[in-house]
Amino acid sequence: MKEKIKERLTDRGQVGIGTLIVFIAMVLVAAIAAGVLINTAGFLQTKSEQTGQESSAQVSNRVQVVSAFGNVGNEQVTDISLTVMRGSGSDDINLSAATIEWIGPKKAQTLVYDSDEGKASDEVTGPDSDSFTVNTIKDPDGSKPVLNTQDDRLEIKMSPEEISSALGEGEEVKLKLTTQYGAVTLYRANVPQSLSQESAVTV
């Protein structure tokens, strides 16, 4: 009788230990799973915040074209100038890090900032076929080529003659200016139907 009772107690003890082992294993698995979920949630939250900030920057950090004109020679537009300002609510915009897609009647070209702009005046001949220059119109703190205040006005100058050929009467150029944030400003420069006796025209 005593032996049977002893066997039953031994069996119960073994079952209890087995249950405890299974319980500890379940707790460990749950803890690992919780850690993975927490890490994944944190990663997704960080990624979501970063994506939101980049999307916001692409919308808000744009330049605004105030006006545009072209100089005329031999009844053709030989260069185009855009007066630009910082868009409302945007951060500082560095035009040296911007690109301009020029889609003209004869050629499409991506223009970058002219890095040789700082040379002596007798060495600078104007924008090359793959570049644009930036000049100061209103820049009290001398931040050119950076638009760092709402009052800054800078001139972006491009040369159709260098890019492809001077623009004739009635021709159009599509310009897509992309800032360092990826924000895009679109502008269509339209040459008037008549350039006779004109030295400069609004485009």
N, C-alpha and C. Protein backbone atom coordinates (compact mmCIF):
# COMPACT_ATOMS: atom_id res chain seq x y z
N MET A 1 0.84 -1.21 0.00
CA MET A 1 0.00 0.00 0.00
C MET A 1 0.87 1.25 0.00
N LYS A 2 1.87 1.24 0.85
CA LYS A 2 2.77 2.39 0.94
C LYS A 2 3.50 2.61 -0.38
N GLU A 3 3.87 1.53 -1.06
CA GLU A 3 4.59 1.65 -2.33
C GLU A 3 3.72 2.29 -3.41
N LYS A 4 2.41 1.91 -3.39
CA LYS A 4 1.49 2.49 -4.37
C LYS A 4 1.32 3.99 -4.13
N ILE A 5 1.19 4.37 -2.86
CA ILE A 5 1.06 5.81 -2.53
C ILE A 5 2.32 6.56 -2.97
N LYS A 6 3.48 5.94 -2.74
CA LYS A 6 4.75 6.57 -3.12
C LYS A 6 4.84 6.75 -4.63
N GLU A 7 4.36 5.75 -5.39
CA GLU A 7 4.39 5.85 -6.84
C GLU A 7 3.48 6.97 -7.34
N ARG A 8 2.30 7.07 -6.73
CA ARG A 8 1.37 8.13 -7.13
C ARG A 8 1.95 9.52 -6.86
N LEU A 9 2.60 9.68 -5.70
CA LEU A 9 3.21 10.98 -5.37
C LEU A 9 4.35 11.31 -6.35
N THR A 10 5.12 10.28 -6.73
CA THR A 10 6.21 10.49 -7.68
C THR A 10 5.66 10.92 -9.04
N ASP A 11 4.56 10.23 -9.50
CA ASP A 11 3.94 10.57 -10.77
C ASP A 11 3.42 12.00 -10.76
N ARG A 12 2.79 12.38 -9.64
CA ARG A 12 2.26 13.76 -9.54
C ARG A 12 3.38 14.79 -9.56
N GLY A 13 4.49 14.46 -8.90
CA GLY A 13 5.63 15.38 -8.89
C GLY A 13 6.21 15.56 -10.28
N GLN A 14 6.29 14.45 -11.03
CA GLN A 14 6.80 14.54 -12.39
C GLN A 14 5.88 15.36 -13.28
N VAL A 15 4.56 15.14 -13.12
CA VAL A 15 3.59 15.94 -13.88
C VAL A 15 3.70 17.41 -13.52
N GLY A 16 3.87 17.71 -12.26
CA GLY A 16 3.99 19.11 -11.82
C GLY A 16 5.22 19.78 -12.40
N ILE A 17 6.35 19.06 -12.39
CA ILE A 17 7.58 19.61 -12.97
C ILE A 17 7.41 19.83 -14.47
N GLY A 18 6.79 18.88 -15.14
CA GLY A 18 6.55 19.02 -16.59
C GLY A 18 5.68 20.22 -16.90
N THR A 19 4.63 20.40 -16.11
CA THR A 19 3.74 21.56 -16.30
C THR A 19 4.50 22.86 -16.07
N LEU A 20 5.36 22.87 -15.04
CA LEU A 20 6.15 24.07 -14.75
C LEU A 20 7.10 24.40 -15.91
N ILE A 21 7.70 23.36 -16.47
CA ILE A 21 8.62 23.57 -17.60
C ILE A 21 7.86 24.14 -18.79
N VAL A 22 6.69 23.55 -19.07
CA VAL A 22 5.87 24.05 -20.18
C VAL A 22 5.46 25.50 -19.94
N PHE A 23 5.09 25.83 -18.71
CA PHE A 23 4.69 27.20 -18.36
C PHE A 23 5.84 28.19 -18.57
N ILE A 24 7.02 27.80 -18.08
CA ILE A 24 8.20 28.68 -18.25
C ILE A 24 8.51 28.88 -19.73
N ALA A 25 8.39 27.79 -20.51
CA ALA A 25 8.64 27.91 -21.95
C ALA A 25 7.65 28.86 -22.61
N MET A 26 6.38 28.77 -22.22
CA MET A 26 5.35 29.66 -22.77
C MET A 26 5.64 31.11 -22.42
N VAL A 27 6.08 31.33 -21.16
CA VAL A 27 6.40 32.69 -20.73
C VAL A 27 7.57 33.24 -21.55
N LEU A 28 8.59 32.41 -21.77
CA LEU A 28 9.75 32.86 -22.55
C LEU A 28 9.36 33.17 -23.99
N VAL A 29 8.54 32.29 -24.59
CA VAL A 29 8.10 32.53 -25.96
C VAL A 29 7.29 33.82 -26.04
N ALA A 30 6.40 34.04 -25.07
CA ALA A 30 5.58 35.26 -25.05
C ALA A 30 6.46 36.50 -24.89
N ALA A 31 7.49 36.41 -24.04
CA ALA A 31 8.38 37.55 -23.82
C ALA A 31 9.15 37.89 -25.10
N ILE A 32 9.64 36.83 -25.79
CA ILE A 32 10.37 37.07 -27.05
C ILE A 32 9.46 37.68 -28.10
N ALA A 33 8.24 37.12 -28.20
CA ALA A 33 7.28 37.66 -29.17
C ALA A 33 6.93 39.11 -28.86
N ALA A 34 6.78 39.42 -27.58
CA ALA A 34 6.46 40.80 -27.19
C ALA A 34 7.61 41.73 -27.55
N GLY A 35 8.85 41.26 -27.33
CA GLY A 35 10.02 42.09 -27.68
C GLY A 35 10.08 42.37 -29.18
N VAL A 36 9.80 41.33 -29.98
CA VAL A 36 9.79 41.51 -31.43
C VAL A 36 8.71 42.50 -31.85
N LEU A 37 7.52 42.37 -31.28
CA LEU A 37 6.43 43.28 -31.62
C LEU A 37 6.75 44.72 -31.23
N ILE A 38 7.36 44.90 -30.06
CA ILE A 38 7.71 46.25 -29.60
C ILE A 38 8.75 46.87 -30.54
N ASN A 39 9.78 46.07 -30.90
CA ASN A 39 10.81 46.58 -31.81
C ASN A 39 10.23 46.92 -33.17
N THR A 40 9.35 46.06 -33.68
CA THR A 40 8.73 46.31 -34.98
C THR A 40 7.86 47.56 -34.94
N ALA A 41 7.09 47.71 -33.86
CA ALA A 41 6.24 48.89 -33.73
C ALA A 41 7.07 50.17 -33.67
N GLY A 42 8.18 50.12 -32.93
CA GLY A 42 9.06 51.29 -32.85
C GLY A 42 9.67 51.64 -34.19
N PHE A 43 10.11 50.62 -34.93
CA PHE A 43 10.68 50.84 -36.26
C PHE A 43 9.65 51.45 -37.21
N LEU A 44 8.43 50.89 -37.18
CA LEU A 44 7.37 51.40 -38.06
C LEU A 44 7.00 52.83 -37.70
N GLN A 45 6.98 53.14 -36.42
CA GLN A 45 6.66 54.50 -36.00
C GLN A 45 7.72 55.50 -36.47
N THR A 46 9.00 55.11 -36.31
CA THR A 46 10.09 55.98 -36.77
C THR A 46 10.03 56.18 -38.28
N LYS A 47 9.78 55.08 -39.01
CA LYS A 47 9.69 55.15 -40.47
C LYS A 47 8.52 56.02 -40.89
N SER A 48 7.40 55.89 -40.18
CA SER A 48 6.22 56.68 -40.51
C SER A 48 6.47 58.17 -40.27
N GLU A 49 7.14 58.49 -39.16
CA GLU A 49 7.45 59.90 -38.87
C GLU A 49 8.39 60.47 -39.92
N GLN A 50 9.40 59.67 -40.31
CA GLN A 50 10.35 60.14 -41.32
C GLN A 50 9.66 60.36 -42.66
N THR A 51 8.79 59.42 -43.04
CA THR A 51 8.05 59.56 -44.29
C THR A 51 7.14 60.78 -44.26
N GLY A 52 6.49 61.00 -43.12
CA GLY A 52 5.62 62.17 -42.99
C GLY A 52 6.38 63.47 -43.10
N GLN A 53 7.57 63.53 -42.48
CA GLN A 53 8.39 64.74 -42.56
C GLN A 53 8.86 64.99 -43.99
N GLU A 54 9.28 63.93 -44.69
CA GLU A 54 9.74 64.09 -46.07
C GLU A 54 8.60 64.52 -46.98
N SER A 55 7.42 63.95 -46.77
CA SER A 55 6.26 64.33 -47.58
C SER A 55 5.88 65.78 -47.34
N SER A 56 5.93 66.19 -46.07
CA SER A 56 5.62 67.59 -45.74
C SER A 56 6.62 68.54 -46.37
N ALA A 57 7.91 68.15 -46.34
CA ALA A 57 8.95 69.00 -46.93
C ALA A 57 8.77 69.14 -48.42
N GLN A 58 8.35 68.05 -49.08
CA GLN A 58 8.15 68.09 -50.53
C GLN A 58 7.00 69.01 -50.91
N VAL A 59 6.06 69.15 -50.01
CA VAL A 59 4.90 70.01 -50.30
C VAL A 59 5.20 71.47 -49.98
N SER A 60 5.87 71.72 -48.84
CA SER A 60 6.00 73.09 -48.35
C SER A 60 7.28 73.81 -48.79
N ASN A 61 8.38 73.07 -48.99
CA ASN A 61 9.66 73.73 -49.27
C ASN A 61 9.86 73.99 -50.75
N ARG A 62 9.01 74.86 -51.29
CA ARG A 62 9.04 75.19 -52.71
C ARG A 62 9.48 76.63 -52.91
N VAL A 63 9.95 76.92 -54.12
CA VAL A 63 10.20 78.31 -54.48
C VAL A 63 8.98 78.83 -55.25
N GLN A 64 8.80 80.10 -55.20
CA GLN A 64 7.69 80.74 -55.91
C GLN A 64 8.26 81.69 -56.96
N VAL A 65 7.77 81.57 -58.18
CA VAL A 65 8.22 82.45 -59.26
C VAL A 65 7.42 83.75 -59.18
N VAL A 66 8.11 84.85 -58.93
CA VAL A 66 7.46 86.16 -58.80
C VAL A 66 7.21 86.76 -60.18
N SER A 67 8.21 86.67 -61.06
CA SER A 67 8.08 87.22 -62.41
C SER A 67 9.11 86.55 -63.31
N ALA A 68 8.94 86.73 -64.62
CA ALA A 68 9.89 86.16 -65.57
C ALA A 68 9.96 87.05 -66.81
N PHE A 69 11.15 87.21 -67.34
CA PHE A 69 11.31 87.99 -68.57
C PHE A 69 12.43 87.40 -69.41
N GLY A 70 12.46 87.79 -70.65
CA GLY A 70 13.51 87.34 -71.56
C GLY A 70 14.10 88.51 -72.30
N ASN A 71 15.41 88.49 -72.50
CA ASN A 71 16.08 89.50 -73.31
C ASN A 71 15.98 89.11 -74.79
N VAL A 72 15.78 90.12 -75.63
CA VAL A 72 15.53 89.87 -77.05
C VAL A 72 16.71 90.39 -77.88
N GLY A 73 17.12 89.57 -78.84
CA GLY A 73 18.14 89.97 -79.80
C GLY A 73 17.82 89.36 -81.15
N ASN A 74 17.81 90.19 -82.18
CA ASN A 74 17.46 89.72 -83.54
C ASN A 74 16.09 89.04 -83.57
N GLU A 75 15.16 89.63 -82.81
CA GLU A 75 13.78 89.14 -82.73
C GLU A 75 13.71 87.70 -82.24
N GLN A 76 14.61 87.35 -81.31
CA GLN A 76 14.60 86.06 -80.63
C GLN A 76 14.95 86.26 -79.16
N VAL A 77 14.40 85.41 -78.29
CA VAL A 77 14.72 85.47 -76.86
C VAL A 77 16.03 84.72 -76.64
N THR A 78 17.04 85.45 -76.19
CA THR A 78 18.37 84.88 -76.05
C THR A 78 18.67 84.37 -74.64
N ASP A 79 17.95 84.88 -73.64
CA ASP A 79 18.09 84.34 -72.28
C ASP A 79 16.80 84.57 -71.51
N ILE A 80 16.58 83.77 -70.50
CA ILE A 80 15.38 83.84 -69.67
C ILE A 80 15.80 84.02 -68.22
N SER A 81 15.13 84.94 -67.53
CA SER A 81 15.40 85.19 -66.11
C SER A 81 14.12 85.02 -65.30
N LEU A 82 14.22 84.23 -64.23
CA LEU A 82 13.11 84.05 -63.29
C LEU A 82 13.45 84.73 -61.98
N THR A 83 12.56 85.59 -61.50
CA THR A 83 12.71 86.16 -60.16
C THR A 83 11.96 85.25 -59.20
N VAL A 84 12.68 84.70 -58.20
CA VAL A 84 12.07 83.72 -57.30
C VAL A 84 12.20 84.17 -55.85
N MET A 85 11.28 83.65 -55.03
CA MET A 85 11.30 83.88 -53.60
C MET A 85 11.00 82.56 -52.89
N ARG A 86 11.21 82.55 -51.60
CA ARG A 86 10.92 81.36 -50.81
C ARG A 86 9.42 81.22 -50.64
N GLY A 87 8.88 80.02 -50.83
CA GLY A 87 7.47 79.79 -50.66
C GLY A 87 7.03 79.99 -49.22
N SER A 88 5.77 80.32 -49.03
CA SER A 88 5.24 80.55 -47.70
C SER A 88 5.37 79.30 -46.84
N GLY A 89 5.97 79.45 -45.65
CA GLY A 89 6.10 78.33 -44.72
C GLY A 89 7.25 77.40 -45.01
N SER A 90 8.08 77.72 -45.98
CA SER A 90 9.17 76.80 -46.34
C SER A 90 10.42 77.09 -45.52
N ASP A 91 11.31 76.09 -45.47
CA ASP A 91 12.61 76.26 -44.82
C ASP A 91 13.57 76.96 -45.79
N ASP A 92 14.81 77.16 -45.36
CA ASP A 92 15.80 77.76 -46.24
C ASP A 92 15.99 76.90 -47.49
N ILE A 93 16.03 77.55 -48.64
CA ILE A 93 16.17 76.83 -49.91
C ILE A 93 17.49 77.21 -50.56
N ASN A 94 18.35 76.23 -50.77
CA ASN A 94 19.66 76.44 -51.38
C ASN A 94 19.54 76.16 -52.88
N LEU A 95 19.56 77.21 -53.66
CA LEU A 95 19.40 77.05 -55.11
C LEU A 95 20.59 76.34 -55.76
N SER A 96 21.73 76.33 -55.09
CA SER A 96 22.89 75.62 -55.65
C SER A 96 22.68 74.11 -55.61
N ALA A 97 21.72 73.65 -54.79
CA ALA A 97 21.40 72.22 -54.71
C ALA A 97 20.16 71.87 -55.52
N ALA A 98 19.61 72.87 -56.24
CA ALA A 98 18.40 72.64 -57.04
C ALA A 98 18.75 72.20 -58.45
N THR A 99 17.77 71.64 -59.13
CA THR A 99 17.91 71.31 -60.55
C THR A 99 16.72 71.88 -61.30
N ILE A 100 16.92 72.17 -62.58
CA ILE A 100 15.84 72.67 -63.43
C ILE A 100 15.76 71.80 -64.67
N GLU A 101 14.59 71.24 -64.90
CA GLU A 101 14.36 70.48 -66.13
C GLU A 101 13.83 71.45 -67.19
N TRP A 102 14.60 71.60 -68.24
CA TRP A 102 14.24 72.48 -69.36
C TRP A 102 13.66 71.62 -70.47
N ILE A 103 12.40 71.83 -70.78
CA ILE A 103 11.75 71.09 -71.87
C ILE A 103 11.34 72.12 -72.91
N GLY A 104 12.19 72.27 -73.91
CA GLY A 104 11.96 73.30 -74.92
C GLY A 104 11.45 72.72 -76.22
N PRO A 105 11.21 73.60 -77.18
CA PRO A 105 10.68 73.13 -78.47
C PRO A 105 11.66 72.25 -79.25
N LYS A 106 12.95 72.38 -78.95
CA LYS A 106 13.94 71.63 -79.73
C LYS A 106 14.75 70.65 -78.89
N LYS A 107 14.75 70.81 -77.55
CA LYS A 107 15.62 69.97 -76.72
C LYS A 107 15.12 69.93 -75.29
N ALA A 108 15.36 68.81 -74.62
CA ALA A 108 15.11 68.67 -73.18
C ALA A 108 16.45 68.52 -72.48
N GLN A 109 16.63 69.24 -71.38
CA GLN A 109 17.93 69.25 -70.72
C GLN A 109 17.73 69.48 -69.23
N THR A 110 18.50 68.80 -68.39
CA THR A 110 18.50 69.05 -66.95
C THR A 110 19.63 70.01 -66.62
N LEU A 111 19.29 71.13 -66.00
CA LEU A 111 20.27 72.17 -65.68
C LEU A 111 20.62 72.12 -64.20
N VAL A 112 21.89 72.36 -63.89
CA VAL A 112 22.36 72.43 -62.51
C VAL A 112 22.98 73.79 -62.26
N TYR A 113 23.21 74.08 -61.00
CA TYR A 113 23.79 75.37 -60.62
C TYR A 113 25.20 75.51 -61.18
N ASP A 114 25.53 76.68 -61.69
CA ASP A 114 26.86 76.96 -62.24
C ASP A 114 27.85 77.14 -61.10
N SER A 115 28.67 76.12 -60.85
CA SER A 115 29.62 76.18 -59.73
C SER A 115 30.78 77.13 -59.99
N ASP A 116 30.96 77.60 -61.24
CA ASP A 116 32.04 78.54 -61.57
C ASP A 116 31.59 79.99 -61.46
N GLU A 117 30.40 80.18 -60.85
CA GLU A 117 29.84 81.52 -60.83
C GLU A 117 30.68 82.51 -60.02
N GLY A 118 31.49 81.99 -59.12
CA GLY A 118 32.28 82.87 -58.28
C GLY A 118 33.55 83.39 -58.92
N LYS A 119 33.81 83.05 -60.17
CA LYS A 119 35.03 83.53 -60.84
C LYS A 119 34.96 85.02 -61.12
N ALA A 120 36.09 85.57 -61.50
CA ALA A 120 36.14 86.99 -61.86
C ALA A 120 35.19 87.25 -63.01
N SER A 121 34.68 88.48 -63.08
CA SER A 121 33.65 88.81 -64.07
C SER A 121 34.12 88.62 -65.51
N ASP A 122 35.42 88.79 -65.77
CA ASP A 122 35.90 88.64 -67.14
C ASP A 122 36.03 87.16 -67.54
N GLU A 123 35.88 86.24 -66.55
CA GLU A 123 35.94 84.82 -66.84
C GLU A 123 34.56 84.20 -66.99
N VAL A 124 33.53 84.93 -66.55
CA VAL A 124 32.18 84.39 -66.58
C VAL A 124 31.46 84.87 -67.84
N THR A 125 30.99 83.96 -68.64
CA THR A 125 30.31 84.32 -69.88
C THR A 125 28.81 84.08 -69.81
N GLY A 126 28.31 83.65 -68.66
CA GLY A 126 26.88 83.37 -68.51
C GLY A 126 26.64 81.88 -68.39
N PRO A 127 25.37 81.47 -68.30
CA PRO A 127 25.07 80.05 -68.13
C PRO A 127 25.56 79.20 -69.29
N ASP A 128 26.07 78.01 -68.96
CA ASP A 128 26.46 77.07 -70.00
C ASP A 128 25.24 76.26 -70.43
N SER A 129 25.46 75.32 -71.34
CA SER A 129 24.35 74.54 -71.89
C SER A 129 23.70 73.64 -70.85
N ASP A 130 24.43 73.33 -69.76
CA ASP A 130 23.88 72.43 -68.76
C ASP A 130 23.74 73.09 -67.39
N SER A 131 23.68 74.42 -67.35
CA SER A 131 23.66 75.10 -66.06
C SER A 131 22.80 76.35 -66.07
N PHE A 132 22.53 76.84 -64.86
CA PHE A 132 21.88 78.14 -64.67
C PHE A 132 22.69 78.92 -63.64
N THR A 133 22.56 80.23 -63.68
CA THR A 133 23.25 81.08 -62.71
C THR A 133 22.23 81.75 -61.80
N VAL A 134 22.70 82.22 -60.65
CA VAL A 134 21.84 82.90 -59.68
C VAL A 134 22.44 84.27 -59.39
N ASN A 135 21.63 85.30 -59.55
CA ASN A 135 22.05 86.67 -59.27
C ASN A 135 21.18 87.29 -58.19
N THR A 136 21.72 88.32 -57.57
CA THR A 136 21.01 88.96 -56.46
C THR A 136 20.10 90.08 -56.96
N ILE A 137 18.87 90.06 -56.50
CA ILE A 137 17.95 91.18 -56.71
C ILE A 137 17.72 91.89 -55.38
N LYS A 138 17.37 91.11 -54.37
CA LYS A 138 17.20 91.66 -53.02
C LYS A 138 17.66 90.60 -52.03
N ASP A 139 18.75 90.89 -51.33
CA ASP A 139 19.35 89.92 -50.41
C ASP A 139 20.14 90.66 -49.34
N PRO A 140 19.45 91.23 -48.34
CA PRO A 140 20.10 92.09 -47.34
C PRO A 140 21.26 91.42 -46.60
N ASP A 141 21.17 90.13 -46.30
CA ASP A 141 22.23 89.49 -45.52
C ASP A 141 23.24 88.73 -46.39
N GLY A 142 23.16 88.89 -47.71
CA GLY A 142 24.13 88.27 -48.61
C GLY A 142 24.15 86.76 -48.56
N SER A 143 22.99 86.15 -48.51
CA SER A 143 22.90 84.69 -48.38
C SER A 143 22.91 83.95 -49.71
N LYS A 144 22.91 84.66 -50.84
CA LYS A 144 22.91 84.03 -52.17
C LYS A 144 23.92 82.90 -52.26
N PRO A 145 23.55 81.74 -52.77
CA PRO A 145 22.32 81.38 -53.49
C PRO A 145 21.23 80.77 -52.62
N VAL A 146 21.24 81.09 -51.32
CA VAL A 146 20.24 80.53 -50.40
C VAL A 146 19.14 81.54 -50.15
N LEU A 147 17.90 81.10 -50.31
CA LEU A 147 16.73 81.91 -49.93
C LEU A 147 16.44 81.61 -48.47
N ASN A 148 16.87 82.52 -47.58
CA ASN A 148 16.72 82.24 -46.15
C ASN A 148 15.73 83.16 -45.43
N THR A 149 15.16 84.13 -46.14
CA THR A 149 14.10 84.95 -45.57
C THR A 149 13.00 85.14 -46.61
N GLN A 150 11.83 85.55 -46.13
CA GLN A 150 10.72 85.73 -47.05
C GLN A 150 10.91 86.96 -47.94
N ASP A 151 11.83 87.85 -47.56
CA ASP A 151 12.07 89.07 -48.34
C ASP A 151 13.11 88.86 -49.44
N ASP A 152 13.85 87.76 -49.41
CA ASP A 152 14.88 87.53 -50.43
C ASP A 152 14.26 87.39 -51.81
N ARG A 153 14.92 88.01 -52.79
CA ARG A 153 14.54 87.85 -54.20
C ARG A 153 15.81 87.57 -54.99
N LEU A 154 15.87 86.42 -55.62
CA LEU A 154 17.03 86.04 -56.43
C LEU A 154 16.60 85.80 -57.87
N GLU A 155 17.55 86.00 -58.78
CA GLU A 155 17.29 85.81 -60.20
C GLU A 155 17.96 84.52 -60.67
N ILE A 156 17.16 83.64 -61.26
CA ILE A 156 17.69 82.44 -61.91
C ILE A 156 17.77 82.72 -63.40
N LYS A 157 18.95 82.60 -63.97
CA LYS A 157 19.15 82.97 -65.37
C LYS A 157 19.56 81.75 -66.18
N MET A 158 18.92 81.56 -67.34
CA MET A 158 19.21 80.45 -68.26
C MET A 158 19.38 81.00 -69.66
N SER A 159 20.18 80.31 -70.47
CA SER A 159 20.46 80.78 -71.81
C SER A 159 19.95 79.78 -72.85
N PRO A 160 18.81 80.07 -73.48
CA PRO A 160 18.33 79.20 -74.55
C PRO A 160 19.36 79.00 -75.66
N GLU A 161 20.14 80.05 -75.95
CA GLU A 161 21.16 79.95 -77.01
C GLU A 161 22.17 78.86 -76.69
N GLU A 162 22.55 78.75 -75.40
CA GLU A 162 23.52 77.74 -74.99
C GLU A 162 22.87 76.35 -74.91
N ILE A 163 21.63 76.29 -74.46
CA ILE A 163 20.96 75.00 -74.27
C ILE A 163 20.64 74.35 -75.62
N SER A 164 20.02 75.11 -76.50
CA SER A 164 19.72 74.57 -77.84
C SER A 164 19.83 75.67 -78.88
N SER A 165 18.88 76.61 -78.84
CA SER A 165 18.91 77.77 -79.73
C SER A 165 17.98 78.83 -79.17
N ALA A 166 18.17 80.06 -79.60
CA ALA A 166 17.31 81.15 -79.14
C ALA A 166 15.85 80.83 -79.46
N LEU A 167 14.96 81.34 -78.63
CA LEU A 167 13.53 81.04 -78.80
C LEU A 167 12.88 82.03 -79.75
N GLY A 168 12.11 81.50 -80.67
CA GLY A 168 11.42 82.35 -81.63
C GLY A 168 10.04 82.78 -81.14
N GLU A 169 9.38 83.57 -81.93
CA GLU A 169 8.07 84.09 -81.58
C GLU A 169 7.07 82.96 -81.38
N GLY A 170 6.31 83.03 -80.26
CA GLY A 170 5.27 82.05 -79.98
C GLY A 170 5.75 80.73 -79.41
N GLU A 171 7.04 80.54 -79.22
CA GLU A 171 7.53 79.27 -78.69
C GLU A 171 7.38 79.22 -77.17
N GLU A 172 7.37 78.01 -76.64
CA GLU A 172 7.14 77.80 -75.20
C GLU A 172 8.19 76.87 -74.62
N VAL A 173 8.58 77.15 -73.37
CA VAL A 173 9.50 76.29 -72.63
C VAL A 173 8.85 75.91 -71.30
N LYS A 174 8.87 74.63 -70.99
CA LYS A 174 8.37 74.17 -69.70
C LYS A 174 9.55 74.01 -68.75
N LEU A 175 9.43 74.59 -67.57
CA LEU A 175 10.50 74.55 -66.57
C LEU A 175 10.01 73.85 -65.31
N LYS A 176 10.79 72.90 -64.82
CA LYS A 176 10.46 72.17 -63.59
C LYS A 176 11.62 72.33 -62.63
N LEU A 177 11.43 73.18 -61.61
CA LEU A 177 12.48 73.46 -60.64
C LEU A 177 12.27 72.57 -59.40
N THR A 178 13.27 71.77 -59.09
CA THR A 178 13.20 70.86 -57.95
C THR A 178 14.23 71.27 -56.91
N THR A 179 13.78 71.53 -55.68
CA THR A 179 14.68 71.94 -54.60
C THR A 179 15.36 70.74 -53.97
N GLN A 180 16.27 71.01 -53.01
CA GLN A 180 16.98 69.91 -52.35
C GLN A 180 16.05 69.03 -51.54
N TYR A 181 14.84 69.51 -51.25
CA TYR A 181 13.87 68.72 -50.50
C TYR A 181 13.00 67.84 -51.40
N GLY A 182 13.15 68.01 -52.70
CA GLY A 182 12.31 67.28 -53.63
C GLY A 182 11.02 68.01 -53.98
N ALA A 183 10.85 69.22 -53.46
CA ALA A 183 9.66 70.01 -53.79
C ALA A 183 9.79 70.57 -55.20
N VAL A 184 8.68 70.58 -55.93
CA VAL A 184 8.70 70.93 -57.35
C VAL A 184 7.88 72.19 -57.62
N THR A 185 8.45 73.07 -58.44
CA THR A 185 7.74 74.25 -58.94
C THR A 185 7.73 74.17 -60.47
N LEU A 186 6.55 74.27 -61.05
CA LEU A 186 6.40 74.22 -62.50
C LEU A 186 6.13 75.62 -63.05
N TYR A 187 6.78 75.93 -64.16
CA TYR A 187 6.56 77.24 -64.80
C TYR A 187 6.65 77.08 -66.31
N ARG A 188 5.72 77.74 -67.02
CA ARG A 188 5.74 77.75 -68.48
C ARG A 188 6.15 79.13 -68.97
N ALA A 189 7.23 79.20 -69.69
CA ALA A 189 7.69 80.47 -70.26
C ALA A 189 7.20 80.54 -71.70
N ASN A 190 6.33 81.50 -71.98
CA ASN A 190 5.74 81.65 -73.31
C ASN A 190 6.28 82.91 -73.99
N VAL A 191 6.89 82.74 -75.13
CA VAL A 191 7.39 83.87 -75.90
C VAL A 191 6.21 84.53 -76.63
N PRO A 192 6.09 85.87 -76.56
CA PRO A 192 4.99 86.55 -77.27
C PRO A 192 5.01 86.26 -78.77
N GLN A 193 3.87 86.45 -79.38
CA GLN A 193 3.73 86.18 -80.81
C GLN A 193 4.52 87.16 -81.68
N SER A 194 4.83 88.32 -81.12
CA SER A 194 5.61 89.30 -81.88
C SER A 194 6.74 89.85 -81.02
N LEU A 195 7.98 89.82 -81.55
CA LEU A 195 9.14 90.35 -80.86
C LEU A 195 9.71 91.57 -81.59
N SER A 196 9.00 92.06 -82.56
CA SER A 196 9.49 93.18 -83.37
C SER A 196 9.69 94.41 -82.50
N GLN A 197 10.87 95.00 -82.61
CA GLN A 197 11.24 96.22 -81.92
C GLN A 197 11.22 96.07 -80.39
N GLU A 198 11.38 94.87 -79.89
CA GLU A 198 11.42 94.63 -78.45
C GLU A 198 12.85 94.32 -78.02
N SER A 199 13.23 94.81 -76.84
CA SER A 199 14.53 94.47 -76.29
C SER A 199 14.40 93.49 -75.12
N ALA A 200 13.22 93.45 -74.49
CA ALA A 200 12.92 92.51 -73.41
C ALA A 200 11.42 92.29 -73.35
N VAL A 201 11.02 91.08 -73.01
CA VAL A 201 9.58 90.76 -72.95
C VAL A 201 9.30 89.91 -71.72
N THR A 202 8.07 89.98 -71.27
CA THR A 202 7.61 89.09 -70.21
C THR A 202 7.31 87.72 -70.80
N VAL A 203 7.77 86.68 -70.13
CA VAL A 203 7.55 85.32 -70.65
C VAL A 203 6.85 84.47 -69.58
